[in-house]
N, C-alpha and C. Protein backbone atom coordinates (compact mmCIF):
# COMPACT_ATOMS: atom_id res chain seq x y z
N UNK A 1 0.84 -1.17 0.00
CA UNK A 1 0.00 0.00 0.00
C UNK A 1 0.89 1.24 0.00
N UNK A 2 0.61 2.18 -0.86
CA UNK A 2 1.38 3.41 -0.94
C UNK A 2 1.03 4.32 0.22
N UNK A 3 2.02 4.94 0.83
CA UNK A 3 1.77 5.89 1.91
C UNK A 3 2.32 7.25 1.56
N UNK A 4 2.55 7.52 0.28
CA UNK A 4 3.04 8.82 -0.18
C UNK A 4 4.28 9.26 0.55
N UNK A 5 5.14 8.34 0.91
CA UNK A 5 6.40 8.70 1.56
C UNK A 5 6.25 9.07 3.02
N UNK A 6 5.19 8.62 3.69
CA UNK A 6 4.99 8.96 5.09
C UNK A 6 6.15 8.45 5.93
N UNK A 7 6.61 9.30 6.85
CA UNK A 7 7.76 8.92 7.65
C UNK A 7 7.45 8.81 9.14
N UNK A 8 6.29 9.27 9.58
CA UNK A 8 5.92 9.20 10.99
C UNK A 8 4.49 8.71 11.10
N UNK A 9 4.21 8.00 12.19
CA UNK A 9 2.88 7.42 12.39
C UNK A 9 2.23 8.04 13.62
N UNK A 10 0.96 8.39 13.50
CA UNK A 10 0.14 8.85 14.62
C UNK A 10 -1.14 8.02 14.57
N UNK A 11 -2.02 8.21 15.56
CA UNK A 11 -3.22 7.39 15.62
C UNK A 11 -4.45 8.25 15.89
N UNK A 12 -5.48 8.10 15.06
CA UNK A 12 -6.75 8.77 15.30
C UNK A 12 -7.44 8.09 16.47
N UNK A 13 -7.97 8.88 17.40
CA UNK A 13 -8.65 8.30 18.55
C UNK A 13 -10.16 8.54 18.50
N UNK A 14 -10.59 9.64 17.90
CA UNK A 14 -12.01 9.95 17.74
C UNK A 14 -12.22 10.57 16.37
N UNK A 15 -13.29 10.13 15.70
CA UNK A 15 -13.62 10.68 14.38
C UNK A 15 -15.08 11.11 14.38
N UNK A 16 -15.31 12.39 14.08
CA UNK A 16 -16.67 12.92 13.98
C UNK A 16 -17.40 12.33 12.78
N UNK A 17 -18.73 12.39 12.82
CA UNK A 17 -19.55 11.78 11.77
C UNK A 17 -19.28 12.40 10.40
N UNK A 18 -19.13 13.70 10.32
CA UNK A 18 -18.85 14.36 9.04
C UNK A 18 -17.48 13.98 8.51
N UNK A 19 -16.50 13.89 9.39
CA UNK A 19 -15.16 13.49 8.98
C UNK A 19 -15.16 12.05 8.50
N UNK A 20 -15.92 11.19 9.16
CA UNK A 20 -15.97 9.78 8.76
C UNK A 20 -16.47 9.65 7.32
N UNK A 21 -17.44 10.48 6.93
CA UNK A 21 -17.95 10.43 5.55
C UNK A 21 -16.88 10.82 4.54
N UNK A 22 -15.93 11.64 4.94
CA UNK A 22 -14.87 12.08 4.03
C UNK A 22 -13.82 11.01 3.79
N UNK A 23 -13.70 10.04 4.70
CA UNK A 23 -12.60 9.09 4.67
C UNK A 23 -12.89 7.89 3.78
N UNK A 24 -13.13 8.14 2.53
CA UNK A 24 -13.39 7.07 1.55
C UNK A 24 -12.08 6.65 0.88
N UNK A 25 -11.93 5.38 0.70
CA UNK A 25 -10.73 4.82 0.07
C UNK A 25 -10.39 5.58 -1.22
N UNK A 26 -9.16 6.01 -1.31
CA UNK A 26 -8.68 6.67 -2.52
C UNK A 26 -8.95 8.17 -2.58
N UNK A 27 -9.73 8.70 -1.64
CA UNK A 27 -10.00 10.14 -1.65
C UNK A 27 -8.70 10.90 -1.47
N UNK A 28 -8.56 11.98 -2.21
CA UNK A 28 -7.34 12.79 -2.14
C UNK A 28 -7.72 14.24 -1.93
N UNK A 29 -6.76 15.01 -1.45
CA UNK A 29 -6.99 16.42 -1.22
C UNK A 29 -5.72 17.12 -0.80
N UNK A 30 -5.90 18.17 0.00
CA UNK A 30 -4.77 19.00 0.39
C UNK A 30 -5.08 19.68 1.73
N UNK A 31 -4.03 19.94 2.51
CA UNK A 31 -4.19 20.75 3.72
C UNK A 31 -4.40 22.19 3.25
N UNK A 32 -5.49 22.79 3.69
CA UNK A 32 -5.82 24.15 3.25
C UNK A 32 -5.42 25.20 4.27
N UNK A 33 -5.44 24.87 5.55
CA UNK A 33 -5.16 25.84 6.60
C UNK A 33 -4.52 25.10 7.77
N UNK A 34 -3.46 25.66 8.32
CA UNK A 34 -2.80 25.03 9.47
C UNK A 34 -2.37 26.11 10.44
N UNK A 35 -2.56 25.84 11.73
CA UNK A 35 -2.13 26.76 12.78
C UNK A 35 -1.82 25.93 14.01
N UNK A 36 -0.60 26.06 14.52
CA UNK A 36 -0.17 25.22 15.63
C UNK A 36 -0.18 23.77 15.21
N UNK A 37 -0.85 22.94 16.02
CA UNK A 37 -0.95 21.52 15.70
C UNK A 37 -2.32 21.18 15.13
N UNK A 38 -3.03 22.18 14.61
CA UNK A 38 -4.39 22.01 14.11
C UNK A 38 -4.44 22.43 12.66
N UNK A 39 -5.28 21.76 11.87
CA UNK A 39 -5.42 22.17 10.48
C UNK A 39 -6.67 21.64 9.83
N UNK A 40 -7.12 22.36 8.83
CA UNK A 40 -8.24 21.92 7.99
C UNK A 40 -7.69 21.35 6.70
N UNK A 41 -8.26 20.23 6.30
CA UNK A 41 -7.86 19.60 5.04
C UNK A 41 -9.10 19.31 4.21
N UNK A 42 -8.95 19.45 2.92
CA UNK A 42 -9.98 19.02 1.98
C UNK A 42 -9.65 17.58 1.63
N UNK A 43 -10.64 16.72 1.77
CA UNK A 43 -10.49 15.30 1.42
C UNK A 43 -11.63 15.00 0.46
N UNK A 44 -11.30 14.86 -0.81
CA UNK A 44 -12.36 14.74 -1.82
C UNK A 44 -13.12 16.05 -1.84
N UNK A 45 -14.44 15.97 -1.70
CA UNK A 45 -15.26 17.18 -1.69
C UNK A 45 -15.60 17.65 -0.28
N UNK A 46 -15.05 16.98 0.72
CA UNK A 46 -15.34 17.27 2.13
C UNK A 46 -14.18 18.01 2.79
N UNK A 47 -14.45 18.59 3.94
CA UNK A 47 -13.43 19.21 4.77
C UNK A 47 -13.39 18.47 6.10
N UNK A 48 -12.19 18.32 6.66
CA UNK A 48 -12.02 17.73 7.98
C UNK A 48 -11.10 18.63 8.79
N UNK A 49 -11.25 18.56 10.09
CA UNK A 49 -10.38 19.27 11.02
C UNK A 49 -9.50 18.24 11.71
N UNK A 50 -8.21 18.36 11.55
CA UNK A 50 -7.25 17.50 12.24
C UNK A 50 -6.77 18.25 13.48
N UNK A 51 -6.88 17.61 14.65
CA UNK A 51 -6.54 18.27 15.90
C UNK A 51 -5.96 17.26 16.89
N UNK A 52 -5.18 17.75 17.87
CA UNK A 52 -4.64 16.85 18.89
C UNK A 52 -5.75 16.15 19.67
N UNK A 53 -5.42 15.02 20.26
CA UNK A 53 -6.39 14.13 20.89
C UNK A 53 -7.22 14.77 21.99
N UNK A 54 -6.72 15.75 22.69
CA UNK A 54 -7.47 16.35 23.80
C UNK A 54 -8.28 17.58 23.40
N UNK A 55 -8.42 17.81 22.11
CA UNK A 55 -9.17 18.96 21.62
C UNK A 55 -10.67 18.71 21.72
N UNK A 56 -11.46 19.79 21.72
CA UNK A 56 -12.92 19.61 21.65
C UNK A 56 -13.29 18.93 20.34
N UNK A 57 -14.33 18.13 20.39
CA UNK A 57 -14.74 17.36 19.20
C UNK A 57 -15.93 18.03 18.52
N UNK A 58 -15.93 17.98 17.22
CA UNK A 58 -17.04 18.45 16.41
C UNK A 58 -17.28 17.45 15.30
N UNK A 59 -18.31 17.66 14.49
CA UNK A 59 -18.63 16.67 13.45
C UNK A 59 -17.57 16.53 12.37
N UNK A 60 -16.74 17.54 12.15
CA UNK A 60 -15.70 17.46 11.12
C UNK A 60 -14.34 17.06 11.69
N UNK A 61 -14.28 16.81 12.99
CA UNK A 61 -13.00 16.58 13.67
C UNK A 61 -12.48 15.16 13.54
N UNK A 62 -11.16 15.08 13.42
CA UNK A 62 -10.42 13.84 13.60
C UNK A 62 -9.41 14.16 14.68
N UNK A 63 -9.58 13.60 15.88
CA UNK A 63 -8.66 13.85 16.98
C UNK A 63 -7.55 12.82 16.90
N UNK A 64 -6.30 13.31 16.89
CA UNK A 64 -5.15 12.48 16.59
C UNK A 64 -4.16 12.48 17.75
N UNK A 65 -3.88 11.30 18.29
CA UNK A 65 -2.86 11.14 19.32
C UNK A 65 -1.49 11.25 18.66
N UNK A 66 -0.68 12.16 19.15
CA UNK A 66 0.67 12.33 18.60
C UNK A 66 0.77 13.44 17.56
N UNK A 67 -0.32 14.14 17.27
CA UNK A 67 -0.26 15.25 16.31
C UNK A 67 0.48 16.40 16.96
N UNK A 68 1.49 16.93 16.26
CA UNK A 68 2.34 17.97 16.84
C UNK A 68 2.39 19.21 15.95
N UNK A 69 2.79 20.30 16.56
CA UNK A 69 3.03 21.54 15.82
C UNK A 69 4.02 21.23 14.69
N UNK A 70 3.71 21.68 13.51
CA UNK A 70 4.59 21.45 12.36
C UNK A 70 4.24 20.23 11.53
N UNK A 71 3.34 19.37 12.04
CA UNK A 71 2.93 18.19 11.25
C UNK A 71 2.09 18.58 10.04
N UNK A 72 1.38 19.69 10.14
CA UNK A 72 0.46 20.12 9.08
C UNK A 72 0.93 21.44 8.50
N UNK A 73 0.89 21.53 7.17
CA UNK A 73 1.26 22.78 6.49
C UNK A 73 0.38 22.93 5.25
N UNK A 74 -0.08 24.14 4.99
CA UNK A 74 -0.89 24.35 3.78
C UNK A 74 -0.18 23.82 2.54
N UNK A 75 -0.95 23.16 1.70
CA UNK A 75 -0.41 22.62 0.46
C UNK A 75 0.03 21.17 0.53
N UNK A 76 0.13 20.60 1.74
CA UNK A 76 0.52 19.19 1.84
C UNK A 76 -0.55 18.31 1.22
N UNK A 77 -0.14 17.27 0.49
CA UNK A 77 -1.12 16.34 -0.07
C UNK A 77 -1.75 15.48 1.02
N UNK A 78 -3.00 15.12 0.82
CA UNK A 78 -3.76 14.28 1.74
C UNK A 78 -4.35 13.14 0.92
N UNK A 79 -4.30 11.93 1.49
CA UNK A 79 -4.85 10.77 0.77
C UNK A 79 -5.33 9.73 1.76
N UNK A 80 -6.47 9.13 1.45
CA UNK A 80 -6.97 8.01 2.25
C UNK A 80 -6.49 6.74 1.57
N UNK A 81 -5.74 5.92 2.32
CA UNK A 81 -5.20 4.67 1.80
C UNK A 81 -5.53 3.57 2.79
N UNK A 82 -6.57 2.82 2.52
CA UNK A 82 -7.00 1.77 3.44
C UNK A 82 -7.45 2.37 4.75
N UNK A 83 -6.88 1.93 5.84
CA UNK A 83 -7.22 2.44 7.17
C UNK A 83 -6.22 3.51 7.61
N UNK A 84 -5.73 4.28 6.65
CA UNK A 84 -4.76 5.35 6.96
C UNK A 84 -5.15 6.62 6.24
N UNK A 85 -4.90 7.75 6.92
CA UNK A 85 -4.99 9.05 6.30
C UNK A 85 -3.56 9.57 6.23
N UNK A 86 -3.06 9.74 5.02
CA UNK A 86 -1.68 10.16 4.83
C UNK A 86 -1.68 11.65 4.55
N UNK A 87 -0.97 12.40 5.39
CA UNK A 87 -0.91 13.85 5.27
C UNK A 87 0.57 14.24 5.21
N UNK A 88 1.04 14.60 4.01
CA UNK A 88 2.47 14.90 3.88
C UNK A 88 3.29 13.72 4.35
N UNK A 89 4.17 13.95 5.33
CA UNK A 89 5.00 12.89 5.87
C UNK A 89 4.41 12.18 7.08
N UNK A 90 3.14 12.41 7.36
CA UNK A 90 2.48 11.82 8.53
C UNK A 90 1.44 10.80 8.08
N UNK A 91 1.50 9.62 8.67
CA UNK A 91 0.51 8.57 8.41
C UNK A 91 -0.34 8.44 9.67
N UNK A 92 -1.64 8.70 9.54
CA UNK A 92 -2.57 8.63 10.66
C UNK A 92 -3.37 7.33 10.55
N UNK A 93 -3.16 6.44 11.52
CA UNK A 93 -3.88 5.17 11.56
C UNK A 93 -5.32 5.44 11.99
N UNK A 94 -6.29 5.00 11.19
CA UNK A 94 -7.70 5.24 11.47
C UNK A 94 -8.37 4.08 12.18
N UNK A 95 -7.85 2.87 12.00
CA UNK A 95 -8.45 1.67 12.60
C UNK A 95 -8.49 1.82 14.12
N UNK A 96 -9.62 1.48 14.70
CA UNK A 96 -9.76 1.52 16.15
C UNK A 96 -10.24 2.85 16.71
N UNK A 97 -10.30 3.89 15.88
CA UNK A 97 -10.80 5.17 16.37
C UNK A 97 -12.30 5.04 16.64
N UNK A 98 -12.74 5.63 17.72
CA UNK A 98 -14.17 5.58 18.03
C UNK A 98 -14.88 6.75 17.37
N UNK A 99 -16.15 6.58 17.16
CA UNK A 99 -16.97 7.66 16.62
C UNK A 99 -17.31 8.65 17.72
N UNK A 100 -17.46 9.90 17.36
CA UNK A 100 -17.86 10.91 18.33
C UNK A 100 -19.31 10.70 18.69
N UNK A 101 -19.63 10.86 19.96
CA UNK A 101 -21.03 10.78 20.38
C UNK A 101 -21.76 12.02 19.88
N UNK A 102 -22.97 11.85 19.38
CA UNK A 102 -23.72 13.02 18.91
C UNK A 102 -24.00 13.97 20.07
N UNK A 103 -24.01 15.26 19.76
CA UNK A 103 -24.32 16.25 20.78
C UNK A 103 -25.76 16.06 21.22
N UNK A 104 -25.97 16.21 22.50
CA UNK A 104 -27.33 16.06 23.04
C UNK A 104 -28.04 17.40 22.93
N UNK A 105 -29.11 17.40 22.21
CA UNK A 105 -29.88 18.63 22.04
C UNK A 105 -30.90 18.75 23.17
N UNK A 106 -30.93 19.92 23.81
CA UNK A 106 -31.93 20.18 24.83
C UNK A 106 -32.99 21.08 24.22
N UNK A 107 -34.24 20.81 24.54
CA UNK A 107 -35.28 21.71 24.04
C UNK A 107 -35.06 23.12 24.59
N UNK A 108 -35.32 24.12 23.78
CA UNK A 108 -35.14 25.51 24.19
C UNK A 108 -35.95 25.82 25.44
N UNK A 109 -37.07 25.17 25.60
CA UNK A 109 -37.92 25.43 26.76
C UNK A 109 -37.17 25.15 28.06
N UNK A 110 -36.21 24.26 28.07
CA UNK A 110 -35.46 23.96 29.28
C UNK A 110 -34.32 24.94 29.53
N UNK A 111 -33.88 25.65 28.49
CA UNK A 111 -32.70 26.51 28.63
C UNK A 111 -33.02 28.00 28.72
N UNK A 112 -34.21 28.42 28.37
CA UNK A 112 -34.45 29.86 28.28
C UNK A 112 -34.33 30.58 29.61
N UNK A 113 -34.69 30.00 30.78
CA UNK A 113 -34.50 30.75 32.02
C UNK A 113 -33.02 31.07 32.29
N UNK A 114 -32.13 30.10 32.04
CA UNK A 114 -30.71 30.35 32.27
C UNK A 114 -30.17 31.38 31.30
N UNK A 115 -30.62 31.33 30.04
CA UNK A 115 -30.17 32.30 29.05
C UNK A 115 -30.64 33.69 29.43
N UNK A 116 -31.85 33.82 29.92
CA UNK A 116 -32.39 35.11 30.32
C UNK A 116 -31.64 35.67 31.53
N UNK A 117 -31.27 34.78 32.45
CA UNK A 117 -30.55 35.20 33.65
C UNK A 117 -29.14 35.66 33.33
N UNK A 118 -28.56 35.15 32.26
CA UNK A 118 -27.20 35.53 31.90
C UNK A 118 -27.23 36.92 31.33
């Protein structure tokens, strides 16, 4: 399996539902925005947010154990190869990552008194 010359391995620990839809075999793209150890990448027609494992989770998030400052840079190629997301020289193992739990929606009727008090 080709890994586009990946030289370091990290592991995805949580994948949001929107990000999971982007991770189709053979999908390719590019890192579009990077800041610190966080970045947005286009994968096929979708966007995903790559972030360190202890970051807040959202539907586009892939939380990665071992993601470090400098791992992501705009213009780096991105490719899904089997159970791996290859980003430049970083290979992110996707197998074993859990799905993010959906956010629990509360009816507005339960929250309006607190919002009014704030």
